[in-house]
Protein backbone atom coordinates (compact mmCIF):
# COMPACT_ATOMS: atom_id res chain seq x y z
CA MET A 1 59.79 0.67 5.52
CA LEU A 2 60.49 -2.92 4.36
CA SER A 3 63.63 -1.71 2.96
CA GLY A 4 64.91 -0.59 6.25
CA ARG A 5 64.37 3.06 5.60
CA ARG A 6 63.18 5.55 8.24
CA LEU A 7 61.30 8.34 6.81
CA ASP A 8 60.69 11.77 9.08
CA LEU A 9 57.10 12.69 8.01
CA LEU A 10 57.69 16.25 9.12
CA ASP A 11 60.96 16.69 7.27
CA PRO A 12 61.31 13.79 4.74
CA SER A 13 64.57 13.19 2.84
CA PRO A 14 64.72 12.10 -0.69
CA LEU A 15 67.62 9.84 0.52
CA ASP A 16 64.95 7.84 2.51
CA ILE A 17 62.74 7.33 -0.32
CA GLU A 18 62.92 3.84 -2.33
CA ILE A 19 60.60 3.05 -5.07
CA GLU A 20 60.13 -0.54 -3.98
CA ASP A 21 58.56 0.83 -0.87
CA ILE A 22 56.45 3.11 -2.77
CA ALA A 23 55.17 0.27 -5.12
CA HIS A 24 54.64 -2.21 -2.05
CA GLY A 25 52.54 0.39 -0.23
CA LEU A 26 50.46 1.68 -2.92
CA ALA A 27 49.69 -1.93 -3.94
CA ARG A 28 48.05 -2.37 -0.61
CA VAL A 29 46.29 0.97 -0.08
CA ALA A 30 42.74 0.61 -1.24
CA ARG A 31 40.99 3.47 -3.51
CA TRP A 32 37.44 4.46 -2.57
CA ASN A 33 38.12 3.59 1.17
CA GLY A 34 37.69 -0.10 0.09
CA GLN A 35 34.16 0.18 -0.86
CA THR A 36 34.61 -1.37 -4.32
CA SER A 37 33.09 -4.52 -5.98
CA GLY A 38 35.11 -7.79 -6.41
CA PRO A 39 37.23 -10.13 -4.41
CA GLN A 40 40.22 -7.66 -4.56
CA ILE A 41 40.82 -4.00 -3.40
CA TYR A 42 41.39 -1.53 -6.06
CA SER A 43 44.67 -0.27 -5.19
CA VAL A 44 46.37 3.17 -5.61
CA ALA A 45 49.03 1.49 -7.58
CA GLN A 46 46.58 0.31 -10.27
CA HIS A 47 44.88 3.62 -10.12
CA SER A 48 48.11 5.29 -10.84
CA LEU A 49 48.64 3.21 -13.82
CA LEU A 50 45.17 3.89 -15.10
CA VAL A 51 45.65 7.82 -14.83
CA GLU A 52 49.18 7.34 -16.60
CA ALA A 53 47.51 5.40 -19.25
CA ILE A 54 44.60 7.91 -19.74
CA ALA A 55 47.39 10.76 -19.85
CA CYS A 56 49.04 9.07 -22.64
CA HIS A 57 45.97 8.95 -24.68
CA MET A 58 45.17 12.68 -23.88
CA VAL A 59 48.70 13.93 -25.04
CA SER A 60 48.57 14.56 -28.83
CA SER A 61 50.44 11.99 -31.00
CA LYS A 62 52.82 14.71 -32.13
CA THR A 63 54.45 14.74 -28.72
CA ALA A 64 53.55 11.31 -27.20
CA SER A 65 57.03 10.02 -28.06
CA ALA A 66 58.68 12.80 -25.98
CA ALA A 67 57.16 11.47 -22.86
CA HIS A 68 58.94 13.65 -20.49
CA TRP A 69 55.92 14.16 -18.31
CA GLN A 70 54.94 10.58 -17.78
CA LEU A 71 56.95 10.01 -14.34
CA GLY A 72 55.37 12.84 -12.71
CA VAL A 73 51.88 11.44 -13.72
CA LEU A 74 52.71 7.85 -12.64
CA LEU A 75 53.94 9.23 -9.17
CA HIS A 76 50.99 11.58 -8.70
CA ASP A 77 49.62 9.70 -5.70
CA ALA A 78 53.06 8.25 -4.37
CA ALA A 79 52.70 10.03 -0.98
CA GLU A 80 49.98 7.76 -0.17
CA TYR A 81 52.52 4.90 0.34
CA VAL A 82 53.06 6.69 3.71
CA ILE A 83 49.71 8.52 4.48
CA GLY A 84 47.07 6.31 2.85
CA ASP A 85 44.41 7.22 0.30
CA MET A 86 42.15 9.82 2.49
CA ILE A 87 38.82 10.32 0.88
CA SER A 88 38.13 13.60 -0.54
CA PRO A 89 35.61 14.67 1.93
CA PHE A 90 37.95 14.01 4.98
CA LYS A 91 40.67 15.72 3.25
CA THR A 92 38.45 18.87 3.28
CA VAL A 93 37.74 18.42 6.91
CA MET A 94 41.43 18.06 7.82
CA GLY A 95 42.20 21.02 5.68
CA GLY A 96 45.89 22.64 5.48
CA THR A 97 47.59 20.24 7.93
CA TYR A 98 47.19 17.12 5.61
CA ARG A 99 47.98 19.13 2.58
CA GLU A 100 51.22 20.37 3.99
CA VAL A 101 52.44 16.85 4.86
CA GLU A 102 51.51 15.55 1.52
CA ALA A 103 53.18 18.37 -0.13
CA ARG A 104 56.35 17.97 1.66
CA LEU A 105 56.27 14.08 0.92
CA MET A 106 55.59 14.85 -2.76
CA ALA A 107 58.58 17.17 -3.14
CA ALA A 108 60.81 14.75 -1.46
CA ILE A 109 59.60 11.93 -3.89
CA HIS A 110 59.92 14.02 -6.97
CA LEU A 111 63.52 15.11 -5.90
CA ARG A 112 64.40 11.43 -5.17
CA PHE A 113 63.75 10.45 -8.86
CA GLY A 114 65.18 13.60 -10.53
CA LEU A 115 62.02 15.72 -10.95
CA PRO A 116 61.38 19.18 -9.85
CA ALA A 117 60.14 19.50 -6.37
CA THR A 118 57.01 21.15 -7.92
CA LEU A 119 55.82 19.88 -11.25
CA ARG A 120 55.21 22.26 -14.11
CA SER A 121 51.43 23.64 -14.16
CA ASP A 122 50.81 21.93 -17.51
CA VAL A 123 51.84 18.49 -16.03
CA ARG A 124 49.62 19.28 -13.18
CA ASP A 125 46.70 20.20 -15.26
CA LEU A 126 47.04 16.97 -17.25
CA THR A 127 47.34 14.84 -14.23
CA LYS A 128 44.31 16.53 -12.68
CA ARG A 129 42.16 15.86 -16.10
CA ALA A 130 43.37 12.20 -16.36
CA ASP A 131 42.55 11.82 -12.61
CA GLN A 132 39.14 13.04 -12.97
CA GLN A 133 38.48 10.45 -15.95
CA ALA A 134 39.81 7.65 -13.81
CA ALA A 135 37.60 8.47 -10.94
CA TYR A 136 34.61 8.63 -13.23
CA LEU A 137 35.44 5.10 -14.75
CA GLU A 138 36.29 3.61 -11.21
CA ALA A 139 32.96 5.31 -9.66
CA THR A 140 30.81 4.02 -12.30
CA ARG A 141 32.44 0.34 -12.71
CA LEU A 142 33.67 -0.41 -9.30
CA ALA A 143 32.28 1.93 -6.51
CA GLY A 144 28.47 1.83 -7.24
CA PHE A 145 27.90 5.37 -8.61
CA ASP A 146 25.12 5.80 -11.25
CA ARG A 147 26.26 7.89 -14.28
CA ALA A 148 24.44 10.91 -13.22
CA GLU A 149 25.98 11.05 -10.04
CA ALA A 150 29.52 10.21 -11.38
CA LEU A 151 28.85 13.15 -14.09
CA LYS A 152 27.93 15.53 -11.28
CA PHE A 153 31.21 14.86 -9.21
CA PHE A 154 33.78 14.12 -11.94
CA GLY A 155 32.69 15.46 -15.23
CA ARG A 156 31.78 14.07 -18.63
CA PRO A 157 34.28 11.16 -19.59
CA ALA A 158 36.08 11.09 -23.08
CA ALA A 159 36.26 8.04 -25.09
CA LEU A 160 39.09 5.87 -24.19
CA PRO A 161 40.91 2.90 -25.91
CA GLN A 162 40.45 -0.62 -24.58
CA SER A 163 44.08 -0.64 -23.38
CA ALA A 164 43.10 2.14 -20.91
CA LEU A 165 39.79 0.44 -19.84
CA SER A 166 41.89 -2.87 -18.89
CA TYR A 167 43.21 -1.28 -15.96
CA LEU A 168 39.80 -1.38 -14.27
CA ALA A 169 39.63 -5.18 -13.39
CA PRO A 170 41.36 -5.29 -9.88
CA TRP A 171 44.48 -7.10 -9.34
CA SER A 172 46.23 -8.81 -6.55
CA ALA A 173 48.70 -6.69 -4.48
CA ASP A 174 51.53 -8.75 -5.90
CA GLU A 175 50.54 -7.97 -9.36
CA ALA A 176 49.67 -4.37 -8.78
CA LYS A 177 53.17 -3.99 -7.29
CA ALA A 178 55.16 -5.65 -10.05
CA ARG A 179 53.38 -3.84 -12.60
CA PHE A 180 53.78 -0.39 -11.02
CA LEU A 181 57.42 -1.22 -10.64
CA ALA A 182 57.76 -2.53 -14.22
CA ARG A 183 56.08 0.88 -15.63
CA PHE A 184 58.22 2.97 -13.44
CA GLN A 185 61.38 1.37 -14.81
CA SER A 186 60.23 1.55 -18.40
CA VAL A 187 59.17 5.40 -18.07
CA SER A 188 62.35 6.21 -16.27
CA ALA A 189 64.56 4.77 -18.80
CA THR A 190 62.76 6.34 -21.82
CA THR A 191 62.13 9.93 -20.22
CA GLY A 192 65.54 10.81 -19.06
CA LEU A 193 63.46 12.45 -15.96
CA THR A 194 63.24 15.86 -17.81
CA LEU A 195 59.94 17.13 -16.97
CA ASN A 196 61.15 20.67 -17.69
CA SER A 197 62.08 20.24 -21.54
CA GLY A 198 59.05 21.76 -23.13
CA PRO A 199 55.36 22.17 -22.99
CA VAL A 200 52.90 19.27 -22.93
CA ALA A 201 50.57 19.48 -25.90
CA THR A 202 47.06 17.75 -25.24
CA SER A 203 44.21 16.96 -27.53
CA ASP A 204 40.62 16.91 -26.27
């Protein structure tokens, strides 16, 4: 890593993980295998910010200020700074081996930043829902899917505020890295890194 850390893929240590390395890598990893419109790639760092913004909108206003789940959502694809963003069909072909490596990396990343190795089921469910919403938007606005095809793969989208939709114009790698780091610092400062402090209430 640029930080000088050496990470063992088969037995990753939380002590060898740095947020700057994660942000740098994710800002340079392309979503959709790079098959998106525009002069810039659509990076995993930017996608992560979109998913977290959508999740914030999904969580009911009653609990939004608690925000104890946000860091887990923001880091949901953090392992890809090491292993890249493998497209879903190829993940299926790879099977358990890929998933095992990914799971070990995610556990180490969570522990590095004070989270449980495995996040609570409600946080995982919220992340999945927000991720599907993001995938629909990216597919139709950046990756050439028509609406019917996107509905088939990702489900029906919910109405989102313009603040969330603003994450769909691809940024440069430097901007994506800077904005990911800034959001990480902001969320870390307000959550207290306590993802196990109560249920997440969501509104459909």
